Amino acid sequence: MHPEASADLESLDATLTTVEKVVDLDELRRRIDELEMQASDPDLWNNQDHAQKVTSELSHAQAELRRVTELRSRLDDLPVLYELAESEEGDALTAAVADADAERVDLRKDIEAMEVKTMLAGEYDPREALVNIRSGAGGVDAADWAQMLMRMYIRWAEQHDHSVEVYDTSYAEEAGLKSATFAIKAPYMYGTLSVEQGTHRLVRISPFDNQGRRQTSFAEVEVLPVVETTDHIDIDENDLRVDVYRSSGPGGQSVNTTDSAVRLTHVPTGIVVTCQNEKSQLQNKAAAMRVLQAKLLERKRLEERAQMDALKSDTGASWGNQMRSYVLHPYQMVKDLRTNVESNNPSAVLDGDLDQFIEAGIRWRMDENA
């Protein structure tokens, strides 16, 4: 085996060994056994919320164990691949070594991606994520941009088999969205996606400008941890103003003949939350309460940090600061302004190919907080 390949395998082994220690495979197997026992309880589905949480956690734990054990198996197989390659001659030798090298490159990428997951050790990192997108400066182009971003995150979630629940979509008059709120329902989604928080900038030839001029648009992405029962976020009904109205679709058209959409205003803080995607007013109010609780939890978290004199944004990017730029004209590029990670394929990124940006963001955040 070439000395470079041998040294790389040693490095990969050290990284994977660290990952295995952090994941704690014995504890993970014990937890899977415990969750499997709960999942087999015939009374489990008497409480649907609890049942979904158990099955989701079990699925995530099984997938994590499978990923780590498969990485170890692939790493153990690599020296054998090189040995078999070296038994070949001529063109066959060259091709076999190239195959082994390609597997080594792929394995490094997969081990480093797994290593990034072990960096999610924040208090709320294991939570599901609540994503709120708002159009900023740029008129109809910004509203269209907000809708493109929503599609990008939902496509990313679908590619990773994470379920998405849309709570609210507030459509703009001409096209696109004024705002949208949705949950990505899988463990560690808050820790993973919180690095996406900030202002996203789009530069393109506007499809809404009849003179074909270039337009710069902005949209803001907010990521919150989903509230759990242990959080003790109590909301006094007297502090709430509840307004009901008719759900509206694109272009202002009514999508419901009853006043089922709900707007909650938390009077002490001025926080306003809307939900119109459920079928009934009761369901919309319950969904809006979940979003309001998440916003109040985030507010409480930031206040506690301020009291400890350690207020430091998770993303290092305040709402006014751009964190990523997407350029479709005059050239094609997506660039993260914190990590300097770039892609020359914006269409793939907008189709949900976000992993390289998210992983770099998590590493960047860890370095910033070190």
Protein backbone atom coordinates (compact mmCIF):
# COMPACT_ATOMS: atom_id res chain seq x y z
CA MET A 1 0.00 0.00 0.00
CA HIS A 2 1.21 3.50 -0.85
CA PRO A 3 2.49 5.35 2.29
CA GLU A 4 0.00 8.19 1.69
CA ALA A 5 -2.94 5.76 1.67
CA SER A 6 -1.59 3.98 4.75
CA ALA A 7 -1.28 7.27 6.68
CA ASP A 8 -4.77 8.31 5.59
CA LEU A 9 -6.25 5.02 6.85
CA GLU A 10 -4.58 5.57 10.24
CA SER A 11 -6.05 9.08 10.38
CA LEU A 12 -9.52 7.76 9.45
CA ASP A 13 -9.26 5.06 12.12
CA ALA A 14 -8.41 7.66 14.78
CA THR A 15 -11.34 9.88 13.74
CA LEU A 16 -13.82 6.98 13.64
CA THR A 17 -12.61 5.69 17.02
CA THR A 18 -13.33 9.14 18.51
CA VAL A 19 -16.80 9.13 16.90
CA GLU A 20 -17.51 5.67 18.36
CA LYS A 21 -16.52 6.88 21.85
CA VAL A 22 -18.68 10.01 21.62
CA VAL A 23 -21.67 8.05 20.27
CA ASP A 24 -21.10 5.40 22.99
CA LEU A 25 -22.17 2.30 21.05
CA ASP A 26 -22.92 0.20 24.15
CA GLU A 27 -25.24 2.88 25.54
CA LEU A 28 -26.84 3.32 22.11
CA ARG A 29 -27.57 -0.43 21.88
CA ARG A 30 -29.04 -0.37 25.42
CA ARG A 31 -31.27 2.58 24.48
CA ILE A 32 -32.43 0.80 21.30
CA ASP A 33 -33.41 -2.28 23.37
CA GLU A 34 -35.34 -0.03 25.77
CA LEU A 35 -37.16 1.79 22.94
CA GLU A 36 -37.98 -1.49 21.18
CA MET A 37 -39.65 -2.70 24.39
CA GLN A 38 -41.69 0.51 24.58
CA ALA A 39 -42.59 0.26 20.88
CA SER A 40 -43.89 -3.29 21.33
CA ASP A 41 -46.26 -2.24 24.14
CA PRO A 42 -49.83 -2.70 22.77
CA ASP A 43 -50.99 0.38 24.74
CA LEU A 44 -48.35 2.64 23.21
CA TRP A 45 -50.68 4.23 20.64
CA ASN A 46 -53.20 5.25 23.29
CA ASN A 47 -51.07 8.41 23.44
CA GLN A 48 -50.26 9.27 19.84
CA ASP A 49 -47.78 12.08 20.58
CA HIS A 50 -45.77 9.84 22.93
CA ALA A 51 -45.94 6.95 20.46
CA GLN A 52 -44.63 9.07 17.59
CA LYS A 53 -41.81 10.33 19.79
CA VAL A 54 -40.82 6.78 20.77
CA THR A 55 -40.91 5.44 17.20
CA SER A 56 -39.04 8.49 15.86
CA GLU A 57 -36.31 8.20 18.51
CA LEU A 58 -36.04 4.44 17.88
CA SER A 59 -35.71 4.94 14.13
CA HIS A 60 -33.05 7.62 14.63
CA ALA A 61 -31.06 5.49 17.13
CA GLN A 62 -31.16 2.44 14.85
CA ALA A 63 -30.03 4.53 11.87
CA GLU A 64 -27.19 6.07 13.90
CA LEU A 65 -25.96 2.64 15.06
CA ARG A 66 -26.18 1.31 11.51
CA ARG A 67 -24.24 4.29 10.12
CA VAL A 68 -21.37 3.93 12.61
CA THR A 69 -21.09 0.13 12.26
CA GLU A 70 -21.18 0.39 8.46
CA LEU A 71 -18.38 2.99 8.54
CA ARG A 72 -16.27 0.67 10.69
CA SER A 73 -16.96 -2.24 8.34
CA ARG A 74 -15.98 -0.18 5.28
CA LEU A 75 -12.80 1.01 7.00
CA ASP A 76 -11.86 -2.59 7.91
CA ASP A 77 -12.43 -3.63 4.27
CA LEU A 78 -10.20 -0.93 2.76
CA PRO A 79 -6.78 -2.56 3.48
CA VAL A 80 -8.14 -5.74 1.88
CA LEU A 81 -9.14 -3.74 -1.21
CA TYR A 82 -5.60 -2.39 -1.50
CA GLU A 83 -4.12 -5.89 -1.03
CA LEU A 84 -6.33 -7.29 -3.78
CA ALA A 85 -5.41 -4.34 -6.02
CA GLU A 86 -1.69 -4.98 -5.56
CA SER A 87 -2.13 -8.58 -6.69
CA GLU A 88 -3.16 -7.26 -10.12
CA GLU A 89 -0.85 -6.20 -12.94
CA GLY A 90 -0.76 -3.51 -15.65
CA ASP A 91 -4.05 -1.73 -16.41
CA ALA A 92 -5.94 -3.96 -13.97
CA LEU A 93 -3.61 -2.83 -11.16
CA THR A 94 -4.13 0.85 -12.04
CA ALA A 95 -7.94 0.44 -12.16
CA ALA A 96 -8.10 -1.53 -8.89
CA VAL A 97 -5.96 1.03 -7.02
CA ALA A 98 -8.12 3.85 -8.44
CA ASP A 99 -11.25 2.06 -7.13
CA ALA A 100 -9.69 1.67 -3.67
CA ASP A 101 -8.62 5.34 -3.66
CA ALA A 102 -12.14 6.41 -4.65
CA GLU A 103 -13.65 4.38 -1.80
CA ARG A 104 -11.12 5.96 0.61
CA VAL A 105 -12.16 9.48 -0.49
CA ASP A 106 -15.88 8.61 -0.12
CA LEU A 107 -15.24 7.03 3.29
CA ARG A 108 -13.40 10.12 4.52
CA LYS A 109 -16.34 12.28 3.48
CA ASP A 110 -18.83 9.99 5.28
CA ILE A 111 -16.72 9.70 8.47
CA GLU A 112 -16.27 13.49 8.60
CA ALA A 113 -20.03 13.95 8.16
CA MET A 114 -20.60 11.57 11.09
CA GLU A 115 -17.97 13.45 13.11
CA VAL A 116 -19.93 16.68 12.58
CA LYS A 117 -23.01 15.06 14.18
CA THR A 118 -21.00 14.41 17.35
CA MET A 119 -20.45 18.18 17.63
CA LEU A 120 -24.15 18.76 18.38
CA ALA A 121 -23.88 18.91 22.16
CA GLY A 122 -25.90 22.06 22.93
CA GLU A 123 -28.79 21.94 25.41
CA TYR A 124 -31.45 22.13 22.70
CA ASP A 125 -29.50 20.50 19.84
CA PRO A 126 -31.35 17.13 20.09
CA ARG A 127 -34.72 18.84 19.45
CA GLU A 128 -36.81 18.96 16.32
CA ALA A 129 -36.56 22.26 14.44
CA LEU A 130 -39.12 24.96 13.83
CA VAL A 131 -38.15 27.00 10.75
CA ASN A 132 -39.57 30.45 10.05
CA ILE A 133 -38.81 32.18 6.74
CA ARG A 134 -39.69 35.83 6.07
CA SER A 135 -39.26 37.81 2.87
CA GLY A 136 -37.13 40.93 3.26
CA ALA A 137 -36.13 43.78 0.96
CA GLY A 138 -36.79 43.20 -2.74
CA GLY A 139 -40.57 43.31 -3.24
CA VAL A 140 -42.13 40.49 -5.26
CA ASP A 141 -38.67 39.03 -5.93
CA ALA A 142 -38.06 38.72 -2.19
CA ALA A 143 -41.42 36.98 -1.70
CA ASP A 144 -40.53 34.56 -4.50
CA TRP A 145 -37.10 34.07 -2.88
CA ALA A 146 -38.73 33.20 0.46
CA GLN A 147 -40.77 30.51 -1.31
CA MET A 148 -37.62 29.17 -3.03
CA LEU A 149 -35.89 28.91 0.37
CA MET A 150 -38.85 27.06 1.88
CA ARG A 151 -38.74 24.59 -1.01
CA MET A 152 -34.95 24.21 -0.56
CA TYR A 153 -35.24 23.22 3.12
CA ILE A 154 -38.20 20.91 2.52
CA ARG A 155 -36.31 19.18 -0.33
CA TRP A 156 -33.27 18.81 1.97
CA ALA A 157 -35.50 17.24 4.65
CA GLU A 158 -37.13 14.86 2.15
CA GLN A 159 -33.73 13.72 0.85
CA HIS A 160 -32.84 12.72 4.43
CA ASP A 161 -36.23 11.07 5.04
CA HIS A 162 -37.26 13.66 7.64
CA SER A 163 -40.96 14.48 7.85
CA VAL A 164 -42.10 18.09 7.52
CA GLU A 165 -45.22 19.70 9.01
CA VAL A 166 -46.21 23.08 7.57
CA TYR A 167 -47.95 25.34 10.12
CA ASP A 168 -48.42 28.55 8.20
CA THR A 169 -47.89 29.98 4.73
CA SER A 170 -48.71 33.66 4.30
CA TYR A 171 -48.82 34.33 0.54
CA ALA A 172 -47.77 37.60 -1.05
CA GLU A 173 -50.16 39.41 -3.40
CA GLU A 174 -48.39 38.82 -6.71
CA ALA A 175 -46.23 35.72 -6.13
CA GLY A 176 -44.29 33.93 -3.43
CA LEU A 177 -44.55 34.14 0.35
CA LYS A 178 -44.52 36.90 2.92
CA SER A 179 -43.68 34.28 5.54
CA ALA A 180 -43.85 30.56 6.26
CA THR A 181 -43.46 28.41 9.37
CA PHE A 182 -42.82 24.67 9.31
CA ALA A 183 -41.36 21.96 11.54
CA ILE A 184 -38.75 19.41 10.48
CA LYS A 185 -39.52 16.43 12.65
CA ALA A 186 -36.43 14.38 13.40
CA PRO A 187 -33.99 14.31 16.33
CA TYR A 188 -31.08 16.80 16.25
CA MET A 189 -32.73 18.98 13.61
CA TYR A 190 -32.39 22.13 15.74
CA GLY A 191 -28.69 21.51 16.31
CA THR A 192 -28.21 20.76 12.63
CA LEU A 193 -30.23 23.60 11.10
CA SER A 194 -29.57 26.37 13.63
CA VAL A 195 -26.45 27.28 11.60
CA GLU A 196 -28.81 28.22 8.75
CA GLN A 197 -30.23 31.13 10.73
CA GLY A 198 -29.60 34.56 9.27
CA THR A 199 -30.14 36.59 6.11
CA HIS A 200 -29.95 34.84 2.74
CA ARG A 201 -29.28 37.00 -0.36
CA LEU A 202 -30.28 36.19 -3.95
CA VAL A 203 -28.90 37.93 -7.06
CA ARG A 204 -30.58 37.09 -10.39
CA ILE A 205 -32.34 38.48 -13.44
CA SER A 206 -35.80 39.16 -12.12
CA PRO A 207 -38.53 37.05 -13.75
CA PHE A 208 -40.97 39.77 -12.66
CA ASP A 209 -39.17 42.68 -14.38
CA ASN A 210 -40.29 43.17 -18.00
CA GLN A 211 -36.97 44.91 -18.74
CA GLY A 212 -35.01 41.88 -17.53
CA ARG A 213 -32.96 43.78 -14.97
CA ARG A 214 -30.84 42.20 -12.28
CA GLN A 215 -32.44 42.16 -8.85
CA THR A 216 -31.03 41.57 -5.35
CA SER A 217 -33.48 40.07 -2.85
CA PHE A 218 -33.26 39.15 0.82
CA ALA A 219 -35.05 36.68 3.06
CA GLU A 220 -34.54 35.89 6.73
CA VAL A 221 -34.38 32.37 8.16
CA GLU A 222 -35.10 31.81 11.85
CA VAL A 223 -34.58 28.36 13.41
CA LEU A 224 -36.07 27.52 16.82
CA PRO A 225 -36.05 24.36 18.97
CA VAL A 226 -39.45 22.68 19.31
CA VAL A 227 -40.77 23.01 22.86
CA GLU A 228 -41.05 19.88 25.02
CA THR A 229 -43.16 19.34 28.14
CA THR A 230 -40.07 19.66 30.36
CA ASP A 231 -39.52 23.28 29.26
CA HIS A 232 -42.23 24.80 31.52
CA ILE A 233 -43.22 27.52 29.05
CA ASP A 234 -46.53 28.52 30.63
CA ILE A 235 -48.68 31.04 28.81
CA ASP A 236 -51.43 32.86 30.70
CA GLU A 237 -54.61 32.94 28.60
CA ASN A 238 -55.12 36.53 29.83
CA ASP A 239 -51.88 37.49 28.05
CA LEU A 240 -53.20 36.25 24.71
CA ARG A 241 -55.26 37.99 22.08
CA VAL A 242 -56.83 35.45 19.71
CA ASP A 243 -58.08 36.55 16.27
CA VAL A 244 -59.73 34.21 13.79
CA TYR A 245 -59.98 34.86 10.07
CA ARG A 246 -60.43 33.10 6.75
CA SER A 247 -57.41 31.25 5.32
CA SER A 248 -56.04 32.77 2.14
CA GLY A 249 -54.09 31.21 -0.70
CA PRO A 250 -51.93 32.61 -3.52
CA GLY A 251 -53.17 35.93 -4.87
CA GLY A 252 -55.34 36.52 -1.82
CA GLN A 253 -57.93 33.91 -2.83
CA SER A 254 -59.87 32.30 0.01
CA VAL A 255 -59.02 28.64 0.53
CA ASN A 256 -61.56 28.05 3.27
CA THR A 257 -65.19 29.04 3.65
CA THR A 258 -64.97 29.26 7.45
CA ASP A 259 -62.94 31.46 9.80
CA SER A 260 -60.48 28.68 10.72
CA ALA A 261 -57.15 30.53 10.53
CA VAL A 262 -55.83 31.75 13.88
CA ARG A 263 -53.62 34.68 14.86
CA LEU A 264 -52.20 34.72 18.40
CA THR A 265 -50.73 37.88 19.89
CA HIS A 266 -48.74 37.52 23.11
CA VAL A 267 -49.47 40.92 24.62
CA PRO A 268 -46.51 41.19 27.09
CA THR A 269 -43.88 40.54 24.40
CA GLY A 270 -45.72 41.64 21.26
CA ILE A 271 -44.93 38.30 19.55
CA VAL A 272 -47.49 37.48 16.82
CA VAL A 273 -47.99 33.95 15.44
CA THR A 274 -50.39 32.77 12.75
CA CYS A 275 -51.46 29.32 11.61
CA GLN A 276 -53.85 28.50 8.78
CA ASN A 277 -52.79 25.15 7.34
CA GLU A 278 -54.81 22.84 9.60
CA LYS A 279 -58.43 21.95 8.85
CA SER A 280 -60.07 23.36 11.98
CA GLN A 281 -59.77 26.46 14.12
CA LEU A 282 -58.94 24.26 17.14
CA GLN A 283 -56.06 22.53 15.29
CA ASN A 284 -54.74 25.87 14.04
CA LYS A 285 -54.82 27.33 17.55
CA ALA A 286 -52.93 24.30 18.93
CA ALA A 287 -50.28 24.58 16.18
CA ALA A 288 -49.97 28.34 16.73
CA MET A 289 -49.48 27.75 20.47
CA ARG A 290 -46.60 25.36 19.70
CA VAL A 291 -44.92 28.03 17.57
CA LEU A 292 -45.52 30.74 20.21
CA GLN A 293 -44.04 28.49 22.91
CA ALA A 294 -40.95 27.91 20.75
CA LYS A 295 -40.50 31.68 20.27
CA LEU A 296 -40.90 32.30 24.02
CA LEU A 297 -38.43 29.49 24.78
CA GLU A 298 -35.88 31.11 22.47
CA ARG A 299 -36.51 34.48 24.11
CA LYS A 300 -36.02 32.92 27.56
CA ARG A 301 -32.84 31.17 26.40
CA LEU A 302 -31.33 34.43 25.09
CA GLU A 303 -32.31 36.31 28.26
CA GLU A 304 -30.58 33.65 30.39
CA ARG A 305 -27.48 33.94 28.24
CA ALA A 306 -27.52 37.71 28.61
CA GLN A 307 -27.76 37.38 32.39
CA MET A 308 -24.68 35.16 32.31
CA ASP A 309 -22.93 37.85 30.27
CA ALA A 310 -22.33 35.32 27.52
CA LEU A 311 -24.81 36.41 24.90
CA LYS A 312 -23.36 35.12 21.67
CA SER A 313 -25.45 34.29 18.61
CA ASP A 314 -25.50 30.61 17.69
CA THR A 315 -24.68 31.56 14.14
CA GLY A 316 -22.49 34.59 14.67
CA ALA A 317 -24.86 36.37 12.29
CA SER A 318 -27.40 38.87 13.54
CA TRP A 319 -30.67 39.28 11.66
CA GLY A 320 -29.27 42.22 9.72
CA ASN A 321 -26.20 40.37 8.51
CA GLN A 322 -25.96 38.29 5.37
CA MET A 323 -24.79 34.74 6.01
CA ARG A 324 -25.05 33.26 2.51
CA SER A 325 -25.17 34.65 -1.02
CA TYR A 326 -26.82 32.87 -3.97
CA VAL A 327 -25.81 34.35 -7.33
CA LEU A 328 -27.60 33.19 -10.52
CA HIS A 329 -26.41 36.10 -12.73
CA PRO A 330 -23.92 37.21 -14.09
CA TYR A 331 -22.22 34.01 -12.87
CA GLN A 332 -23.41 30.93 -10.94
CA MET A 333 -22.28 30.56 -7.34
CA VAL A 334 -23.49 29.98 -3.79
CA LYS A 335 -21.08 31.23 -1.12
CA ASP A 336 -21.30 31.03 2.64
CA LEU A 337 -19.91 34.27 4.02
CA ARG A 338 -18.87 32.75 7.37
CA THR A 339 -17.16 29.54 6.27
CA ASN A 340 -16.24 30.56 2.68
CA VAL A 341 -17.66 27.24 1.41
CA GLU A 342 -18.71 27.65 -2.23
CA SER A 343 -20.71 25.75 -4.82
CA ASN A 344 -20.84 26.47 -8.55
CA ASN A 345 -24.12 24.61 -8.85
CA PRO A 346 -26.88 26.84 -7.38
CA SER A 347 -29.65 24.73 -8.91
CA ALA A 348 -28.46 21.67 -6.92
CA VAL A 349 -28.23 23.74 -3.72
CA LEU A 350 -31.73 25.14 -4.26
CA ASP A 351 -32.87 21.55 -4.80
CA GLY A 352 -31.73 20.71 -1.25
CA ASP A 353 -28.02 19.90 -1.67
CA LEU A 354 -27.08 21.69 1.55
CA ASP A 355 -24.99 19.19 3.50
CA GLN A 356 -21.59 20.73 2.76
CA PHE A 357 -22.82 24.16 3.93
CA ILE A 358 -24.48 22.78 7.08
CA GLU A 359 -21.47 20.64 8.06
CA ALA A 360 -19.05 23.54 7.53
CA GLY A 361 -21.38 25.80 9.55
CA ILE A 362 -21.43 23.38 12.50
CA ARG A 363 -17.61 23.15 12.47
CA TRP A 364 -17.37 26.95 12.20
CA ARG A 365 -19.74 27.44 15.15
CA MET A 366 -17.76 24.99 17.27
CA ASP A 367 -14.51 26.87 16.50
CA GLU A 368 -16.21 30.22 17.29
CA ASN A 369 -17.47 28.91 20.65
CA ALA A 370 -14.22 27.15 21.58
